[in-house]
N, C-alpha and C. Protein backbone atom coordinates (compact mmCIF):
# COMPACT_ATOMS: atom_id res chain seq x y z
N UNK A 1 0.90 -1.20 0.06
CA UNK A 1 0.05 0.01 0.02
C UNK A 1 0.82 1.24 -0.37
N UNK A 2 2.31 1.03 0.46
CA UNK A 2 3.10 2.72 0.56
C UNK A 2 3.64 2.81 -0.14
N UNK A 3 4.11 1.89 -1.32
CA UNK A 3 4.67 2.50 -2.40
C UNK A 3 3.33 2.91 -3.56
N UNK A 4 2.39 2.31 -3.69
CA UNK A 4 1.70 2.90 -4.61
C UNK A 4 0.78 4.21 -3.91
N UNK A 5 0.67 4.24 -2.71
CA UNK A 5 -0.15 5.52 -2.17
C UNK A 5 1.13 6.44 -2.39
N UNK A 6 2.70 6.40 -2.05
CA UNK A 6 3.49 7.23 -2.16
C UNK A 6 3.69 7.79 -4.00
N UNK A 7 3.41 6.95 -4.46
CA UNK A 7 3.78 7.14 -5.94
C UNK A 7 2.49 7.97 -6.76
N UNK A 8 1.49 7.70 -5.98
CA UNK A 8 0.17 8.87 -6.14
C UNK A 8 0.03 10.05 -6.26
N UNK A 9 0.86 10.16 -4.75
CA UNK A 9 1.16 11.55 -4.37
C UNK A 9 2.48 12.32 -4.96
N UNK A 10 3.15 11.79 -5.28
CA UNK A 10 4.40 11.96 -6.18
C UNK A 10 3.97 12.52 -7.84
N UNK A 11 2.96 11.62 -8.11
CA UNK A 11 2.54 12.40 -9.30
C UNK A 11 1.54 13.53 -9.74
N UNK A 12 0.81 13.92 -8.21
CA UNK A 12 0.14 14.56 -8.31
C UNK A 12 1.25 16.11 -7.89
N UNK A 13 2.36 16.18 -7.42
CA UNK A 13 3.07 17.03 -6.92
C UNK A 13 3.78 16.75 -8.88
N UNK A 14 4.30 16.24 -9.29
CA UNK A 14 4.92 16.43 -10.40
C UNK A 14 4.22 16.83 -11.62
N UNK A 15 2.69 16.48 -11.51
CA UNK A 15 1.89 17.03 -12.29
C UNK A 15 1.59 18.71 -12.12
N UNK A 16 1.50 18.93 -10.61
CA UNK A 16 1.58 20.22 -10.18
C UNK A 16 3.09 21.40 -10.72
N UNK A 17 4.24 20.59 -10.99
CA UNK A 17 5.18 21.13 -11.14
C UNK A 17 5.04 21.67 -12.85
N UNK A 18 4.69 20.33 -13.23
CA UNK A 18 4.72 20.94 -14.64
C UNK A 18 3.65 21.59 -15.30
N UNK A 19 2.69 21.74 -14.52
CA UNK A 19 1.19 22.23 -14.97
C UNK A 19 1.68 23.97 -14.76
N UNK A 20 2.79 24.43 -13.55
CA UNK A 20 2.91 25.28 -13.19
C UNK A 20 1.72 25.26 -11.83
N UNK A 21 0.90 24.89 -11.48
CA UNK A 21 -0.03 25.18 -10.52
C UNK A 21 0.79 24.99 -9.20
N UNK A 22 1.81 24.34 -9.07
CA UNK A 22 2.69 23.73 -8.14
C UNK A 22 3.46 24.90 -8.05
N UNK A 23 3.78 26.06 -6.99
CA UNK A 23 4.76 27.34 -7.18
C UNK A 23 4.87 28.08 -5.86
N UNK A 24 5.93 28.43 -6.01
CA UNK A 24 6.39 28.80 -4.38
C UNK A 24 4.99 29.68 -4.09
N UNK A 25 4.17 30.20 -4.71
CA UNK A 25 3.21 30.37 -3.86
C UNK A 25 2.21 29.51 -3.12
N UNK A 26 1.99 28.51 -3.70
CA UNK A 26 0.93 27.48 -3.63
C UNK A 26 1.18 26.05 -2.42
N UNK A 27 2.68 26.21 -2.66
CA UNK A 27 3.49 24.97 -2.19
C UNK A 27 3.00 24.70 -0.88
N UNK A 28 3.03 25.79 0.13
CA UNK A 28 2.53 25.51 1.39
C UNK A 28 1.42 24.95 1.50
N UNK A 29 0.11 25.52 0.75
CA UNK A 29 -1.24 25.10 0.90
C UNK A 29 -1.04 23.72 0.20
N UNK A 30 -0.30 23.64 -0.98
CA UNK A 30 -0.58 21.89 -1.48
C UNK A 30 -0.10 21.09 -0.43
N UNK A 31 1.07 21.34 0.20
CA UNK A 31 1.79 20.18 1.06
C UNK A 31 0.42 20.26 2.12
N UNK A 32 0.24 21.37 2.64
CA UNK A 32 -0.89 21.35 3.94
C UNK A 32 -1.98 20.42 3.28
N UNK A 33 -2.44 20.36 2.18
CA UNK A 33 -3.17 19.34 1.31
C UNK A 33 -3.00 18.08 1.54
N UNK A 34 -1.94 17.46 0.94
CA UNK A 34 -1.28 16.42 0.68
C UNK A 34 -0.72 15.82 2.65
N UNK A 35 -0.58 16.46 3.37
CA UNK A 35 -0.77 16.05 4.78
C UNK A 35 -2.02 15.60 4.93
N UNK A 36 -2.95 16.16 4.79
CA UNK A 36 -4.27 15.72 5.46
C UNK A 36 -4.88 14.79 4.44
N UNK A 37 -4.38 14.20 3.54
CA UNK A 37 -4.94 13.45 2.74
C UNK A 37 -3.99 11.97 3.27
N UNK A 38 -3.27 12.05 3.61
CA UNK A 38 -1.76 11.26 4.38
C UNK A 38 -2.62 11.00 5.28
N UNK A 39 -2.83 11.78 6.42
CA UNK A 39 -3.89 11.50 7.46
C UNK A 39 -4.71 10.82 7.03
N UNK A 40 -6.12 11.12 6.35
CA UNK A 40 -7.29 10.54 6.28
C UNK A 40 -6.59 9.10 5.42
N UNK A 41 -6.15 8.82 4.27
CA UNK A 41 -6.14 7.57 3.91
C UNK A 41 -5.13 6.59 4.88
N UNK A 42 -4.42 7.13 5.75
CA UNK A 42 -4.06 6.14 6.28
C UNK A 42 -5.03 5.80 7.59
N UNK A 43 -5.86 6.64 8.03
CA UNK A 43 -6.79 6.07 8.85
C UNK A 43 -8.01 5.14 8.32
N UNK A 44 -8.17 5.28 7.16
CA UNK A 44 -9.30 4.72 6.18
C UNK A 44 -8.83 3.34 6.43
N UNK A 45 -7.33 3.44 5.24
CA UNK A 45 -6.28 2.12 5.12
C UNK A 45 -6.13 1.09 6.47
N UNK A 46 -6.09 1.91 7.65
CA UNK A 46 -5.71 0.54 8.99
C UNK A 46 -6.74 0.41 9.30
N UNK A 47 -7.53 1.38 9.42
CA UNK A 47 -9.41 0.88 10.25
C UNK A 47 -9.77 -0.38 9.22
N UNK A 48 -10.06 -0.13 7.86
CA UNK A 48 -9.99 -1.46 7.20
C UNK A 48 -9.21 -2.52 7.35
N UNK A 49 -7.80 -2.21 7.57
CA UNK A 49 -7.02 -3.53 7.93
C UNK A 49 -7.43 -4.29 9.11
N UNK A 50 -7.60 -2.99 10.02
CA UNK A 50 -7.77 -3.25 11.51
C UNK A 50 -9.36 -4.57 11.53
N UNK A 51 -9.99 -4.26 10.94
CA UNK A 51 -11.45 -5.08 10.71
C UNK A 51 -11.08 -6.18 9.75
N UNK A 52 -10.29 -6.14 8.67
CA UNK A 52 -10.06 -7.57 8.09
C UNK A 52 -9.14 -8.51 8.89
N UNK A 53 -8.34 -7.91 10.14
CA UNK A 53 -7.55 -8.45 10.78
C UNK A 53 -8.47 -9.41 12.08
N UNK A 54 -9.76 -8.25 12.45
CA UNK A 54 -10.36 -9.26 13.35
C UNK A 54 -11.25 -10.29 12.55
N UNK A 55 -11.60 -10.14 11.55
CA UNK A 55 -12.44 -10.81 10.68
C UNK A 55 -11.78 -12.22 10.53
N UNK A 56 -10.81 -12.21 10.42
CA UNK A 56 -10.03 -13.30 10.24
C UNK A 56 -9.40 -14.12 11.52
N UNK A 57 -9.97 -13.45 12.84
CA UNK A 57 -9.99 -13.84 14.07
C UNK A 57 -8.39 -13.57 14.08
N UNK A 58 -7.57 -12.66 13.90
CA UNK A 58 -6.49 -12.51 14.19
C UNK A 58 -6.53 -11.93 15.90
N UNK A 59 -5.33 -12.98 16.92
CA UNK A 59 -5.12 -12.13 18.08
C UNK A 59 -4.74 -10.50 17.98
N UNK A 60 -5.19 -9.68 19.19
CA UNK A 60 -5.55 -8.70 19.56
C UNK A 60 -4.27 -7.99 19.00
N UNK A 61 -3.49 -8.35 19.72
CA UNK A 61 -2.03 -7.90 19.74
C UNK A 61 -1.53 -7.61 18.32
N UNK A 62 -1.59 -8.86 17.73
CA UNK A 62 -1.58 -9.02 16.22
C UNK A 62 -2.00 -7.76 15.12
N UNK A 63 -3.08 -7.83 15.57
CA UNK A 63 -4.06 -6.86 14.49
C UNK A 63 -3.61 -5.36 15.16
N UNK A 64 -3.62 -4.94 16.52
CA UNK A 64 -3.09 -3.50 16.58
C UNK A 64 -1.80 -3.25 16.12
N UNK A 65 -0.75 -4.53 16.17
CA UNK A 65 0.55 -4.26 15.52
C UNK A 65 0.22 -3.73 13.93
N UNK A 66 -0.07 -4.82 13.28
CA UNK A 66 -0.81 -4.59 11.89
C UNK A 66 -1.06 -3.22 11.46
N UNK A 67 -2.19 -2.98 12.17
CA UNK A 67 -2.99 -1.63 11.98
C UNK A 67 -2.04 -0.42 12.09
N UNK A 68 -0.98 -0.39 13.37
CA UNK A 68 -0.21 0.70 13.73
C UNK A 68 0.90 0.84 12.45
N UNK A 69 1.41 -0.24 11.67
CA UNK A 69 2.47 -0.23 11.07
C UNK A 69 1.71 0.20 9.17
N UNK A 70 0.38 -0.62 9.37
CA UNK A 70 -0.39 -0.14 7.91
C UNK A 70 -0.23 1.73 7.82
N UNK A 71 -0.73 2.22 9.45
CA UNK A 71 -1.05 3.58 9.28
C UNK A 71 0.17 4.15 9.23
N UNK A 72 1.33 3.69 9.59
CA UNK A 72 2.78 4.25 9.46
C UNK A 72 3.18 4.18 8.01
N UNK A 73 3.01 3.01 7.48
CA UNK A 73 3.78 2.85 6.20
C UNK A 73 2.82 3.91 5.22
N UNK A 74 1.49 4.23 5.41
CA UNK A 74 0.82 4.71 4.28
C UNK A 74 1.11 6.32 4.58
N UNK A 75 1.00 6.74 5.80
CA UNK A 75 1.24 8.28 6.06
C UNK A 75 2.42 8.63 5.80
N UNK A 76 3.84 7.95 5.98
CA UNK A 76 5.07 8.40 5.38
C UNK A 76 5.00 8.12 4.33
N UNK A 77 4.74 7.46 3.32
CA UNK A 77 4.73 7.32 2.12
C UNK A 77 4.10 8.51 1.15
N UNK A 78 3.08 8.55 1.60
CA UNK A 78 2.47 9.72 1.22
C UNK A 78 3.16 11.34 0.94
N UNK A 79 3.39 11.36 2.55
CA UNK A 79 4.35 12.78 2.92
C UNK A 79 5.67 12.63 2.20
N UNK A 80 6.60 11.33 2.04
CA UNK A 80 7.89 11.48 0.71
C UNK A 80 7.42 11.36 -0.22
N UNK A 81 6.51 11.04 -0.97
CA UNK A 81 5.82 11.13 -2.35
C UNK A 81 5.53 12.29 -2.55
N UNK A 82 4.65 13.73 -1.50
CA UNK A 82 4.85 14.60 -2.14
C UNK A 82 6.00 15.71 -1.75
N UNK A 83 7.03 15.02 -0.65
CA UNK A 83 7.63 16.08 -0.95
C UNK A 83 8.94 15.61 -1.88
N UNK A 84 9.55 14.39 -1.85
CA UNK A 84 10.52 14.68 -2.70
C UNK A 84 11.01 14.95 -4.10
N UNK A 85 9.53 14.80 -4.85
CA UNK A 85 10.01 15.91 -6.04
C UNK A 85 10.12 17.36 -5.75
N UNK A 86 9.38 17.92 -5.17
CA UNK A 86 9.76 19.24 -4.46
C UNK A 86 11.57 19.41 -4.14
N UNK A 87 12.22 18.54 -3.16
CA UNK A 87 13.45 18.19 -2.99
C UNK A 87 14.28 18.37 -4.36
N UNK A 88 13.58 17.10 -5.25
CA UNK A 88 14.50 16.49 -6.22
C UNK A 88 14.63 17.80 -7.18
N UNK A 89 13.79 18.55 -7.63
CA UNK A 89 13.59 19.56 -8.15
C UNK A 89 14.39 21.14 -7.28
N UNK A 90 14.29 21.26 -6.46
CA UNK A 90 15.11 22.24 -5.44
C UNK A 90 16.81 21.90 -5.88
N UNK A 91 16.75 20.66 -6.05
CA UNK A 91 18.77 20.05 -6.50
C UNK A 91 18.90 20.16 -7.52
N UNK A 92 17.86 20.07 -8.44
CA UNK A 92 17.98 20.54 -9.99
C UNK A 92 18.23 18.96 -10.63
N UNK A 93 17.47 18.19 -10.10
CA UNK A 93 17.42 16.55 -10.86
C UNK A 93 15.46 16.88 -11.54
N UNK A 94 15.51 15.90 -12.51
CA UNK A 94 14.30 15.85 -12.80
C UNK A 94 13.68 15.17 -12.23
N UNK A 95 12.23 16.19 -11.38
CA UNK A 95 11.73 15.23 -10.42
C UNK A 95 10.87 14.39 -10.88
N UNK A 96 11.11 13.99 -11.88
CA UNK A 96 9.69 12.96 -12.39
C UNK A 96 10.69 11.39 -11.56
N UNK A 97 11.74 11.60 -11.06
CA UNK A 97 12.89 10.16 -10.41
C UNK A 97 11.71 9.85 -9.31
N UNK A 98 11.30 11.05 -8.74
CA UNK A 98 10.44 10.25 -7.74
C UNK A 98 9.76 9.44 -7.45
N UNK A 99 8.85 9.32 -8.63
CA UNK A 99 7.77 8.48 -9.19
C UNK A 99 8.39 6.24 -8.53
N UNK A 100 9.25 6.40 -9.31
CA UNK A 100 10.09 4.91 -9.02
C UNK A 100 10.74 5.19 -7.67
N UNK A 101 11.26 6.43 -7.09
CA UNK A 101 12.44 6.29 -6.25
C UNK A 101 11.88 6.16 -5.23
N UNK A 102 10.26 7.01 -5.10
CA UNK A 102 9.43 6.23 -3.82
C UNK A 102 9.06 4.87 -3.26
N UNK A 103 8.73 4.25 -4.79
CA UNK A 103 7.87 2.63 -4.36
C UNK A 103 9.38 2.15 -3.99
N UNK A 104 10.59 2.49 -4.54
CA UNK A 104 11.79 1.39 -4.05
C UNK A 104 12.15 2.13 -2.66
N UNK A 105 11.86 3.23 -2.02
CA UNK A 105 12.13 3.90 -0.72
C UNK A 105 11.13 2.82 0.36
N UNK A 106 10.04 3.27 0.13
CA UNK A 106 9.11 2.31 0.44
C UNK A 106 8.91 0.95 0.63
N UNK A 107 9.64 0.16 -0.53
CA UNK A 107 9.95 -1.15 -0.16
C UNK A 107 11.10 -1.48 1.03
N UNK A 108 11.88 -0.59 0.51
CA UNK A 108 12.93 -0.80 2.09
C UNK A 108 12.49 -0.82 3.07
N UNK A 109 11.67 0.25 3.42
CA UNK A 109 11.28 0.99 4.42
C UNK A 109 10.28 -0.40 5.23
N UNK A 110 9.26 -0.70 4.06
CA UNK A 110 8.36 -0.96 4.94
C UNK A 110 7.20 -2.13 3.76
């Protein structure tokens, strides 16, 4: 879930950079919106994961661990996916490289 969520966030940022809708004036508002999206998606997916774990009679400690891990992975992936293209652009690297990079980073981290 993490790599795909981060990739989608990265694509939204890259599109904004390419179209010019994401610039210095709109960057803060855009990142706040992505942060809210990360929080909302991590809650939705972690609750869904928890319900699935309970449905399959997973012990409560394991269900809570999976829920926390899923929330952390999705949240961090979306936040990194939103920030990485901006950082790459700032470094003078093509921001399009962030799409594949975020998937590799999230595969390594979670």
